[in-house]
Amino acid sequence: MKKYLSELHTKPHHHKKRFALAVSGSVTLLIFAVWAVVRFGDVPQIAKENSGPVNLAATVESSGFEQIIDGIESSWQSLTGALRDGK
């Protein structure tokens, strides 16, 4: 690897760009993987004691992935609506 990096400056420009893209993509993927493990890792559930009936519709919270999907869907709807309206 040391030899490759020491000879990288002699390579064509398109080869250097491809190498930079591969390295930056790998680093981005690593950061995303660490973030996903920390954000969506195993979270212990805390049980609440209730004396009466429970309204499940009111107590269910959406997960992080559901929030991300909801955000993407609303953004997509806004974009496609703006394109249809000619804005």
Protein backbone atom coordinates (compact mmCIF):
# COMPACT_ATOMS: atom_id res chain seq x y z
CA MET A 1 0.00 0.00 0.00
CA LYS A 2 2.87 2.35 0.78
CA LYS A 3 4.32 1.71 -2.67
CA TYR A 4 0.95 2.34 -4.32
CA LEU A 5 0.47 5.62 -2.45
CA SER A 6 4.02 6.76 -3.21
CA GLU A 7 3.46 6.12 -6.94
CA LEU A 8 -0.07 7.55 -7.08
CA HIS A 9 1.13 10.97 -8.24
CA THR A 10 2.52 9.38 -11.42
CA LYS A 11 -0.84 7.85 -12.38
CA PRO A 12 -3.26 9.52 -14.85
CA HIS A 13 -5.72 12.09 -13.54
CA HIS A 14 -8.78 9.86 -14.03
CA HIS A 15 -7.11 7.10 -11.96
CA LYS A 16 -6.43 9.54 -9.11
CA LYS A 17 -10.04 10.74 -9.21
CA ARG A 18 -11.33 7.16 -9.08
CA PHE A 19 -9.05 6.42 -6.11
CA ALA A 20 -10.25 9.56 -4.29
CA LEU A 21 -13.89 8.60 -4.93
CA ALA A 22 -13.32 5.07 -3.59
CA VAL A 23 -11.59 6.33 -0.44
CA SER A 24 -14.17 9.04 0.28
CA GLY A 25 -17.03 6.60 -0.36
CA SER A 26 -15.49 4.07 2.01
CA VAL A 27 -15.02 6.65 4.75
CA THR A 28 -18.59 7.90 4.28
CA LEU A 29 -19.94 4.35 4.45
CA LEU A 30 -17.94 3.68 7.62
CA ILE A 31 -19.27 6.86 9.27
CA PHE A 32 -22.84 5.99 8.25
CA ALA A 33 -22.45 2.44 9.63
CA VAL A 34 -21.20 3.72 12.99
CA TRP A 35 -24.00 6.31 13.13
CA ALA A 36 -26.63 3.68 12.30
CA VAL A 37 -25.37 1.31 14.99
CA VAL A 38 -25.33 4.07 17.59
CA ARG A 39 -28.68 5.56 16.54
CA PHE A 40 -30.66 2.38 15.87
CA GLY A 41 -28.85 -0.08 18.12
CA ASP A 42 -30.51 -2.32 20.65
CA VAL A 43 -32.58 -0.07 22.93
CA PRO A 44 -34.10 -1.70 26.00
CA GLN A 45 -37.85 -1.24 26.27
CA ILE A 46 -39.22 0.07 29.55
CA ALA A 47 -42.58 -1.37 30.49
CA LYS A 48 -45.08 1.01 32.03
CA GLU A 49 -47.63 -0.16 34.53
CA ASN A 50 -51.14 1.02 33.79
CA SER A 51 -54.17 0.49 35.91
CA GLY A 52 -56.69 1.05 33.11
CA PRO A 53 -57.15 0.22 29.47
CA VAL A 54 -54.40 1.32 27.12
CA ASN A 55 -54.98 3.18 23.89
CA LEU A 56 -52.33 1.55 21.68
CA ALA A 57 -52.78 4.05 18.88
CA ALA A 58 -51.79 6.85 21.23
CA THR A 59 -48.84 5.03 22.82
CA VAL A 60 -47.12 3.64 19.73
CA GLU A 61 -44.19 5.75 18.67
CA SER A 62 -42.62 5.49 15.27
CA SER A 63 -39.08 4.13 15.04
CA GLY A 64 -36.16 6.08 13.65
CA PHE A 65 -36.39 4.32 10.29
CA GLU A 66 -40.09 5.15 10.04
CA GLN A 67 -39.32 8.79 10.73
CA ILE A 68 -36.66 8.78 8.02
CA ILE A 69 -39.03 7.16 5.52
CA ASP A 70 -41.78 9.65 6.42
CA GLY A 71 -39.37 12.53 5.87
CA ILE A 72 -38.25 11.16 2.51
CA GLU A 73 -41.85 10.61 1.43
CA SER A 74 -42.92 14.13 2.35
CA SER A 75 -39.87 15.60 0.62
CA TRP A 76 -40.56 13.55 -2.52
CA GLN A 77 -44.20 14.66 -2.52
CA SER A 78 -43.13 18.29 -2.20
CA LEU A 79 -40.62 17.96 -5.03
CA THR A 80 -42.98 16.18 -7.38
CA GLY A 81 -45.78 18.61 -6.53
CA ALA A 82 -43.51 21.58 -7.27
CA LEU A 83 -42.45 20.04 -10.58
CA ARG A 84 -46.06 19.42 -11.58
CA ASP A 85 -47.01 22.98 -10.69
CA GLY A 86 -44.08 24.33 -12.71
CA LYS A 87 -42.40 26.10 -9.81
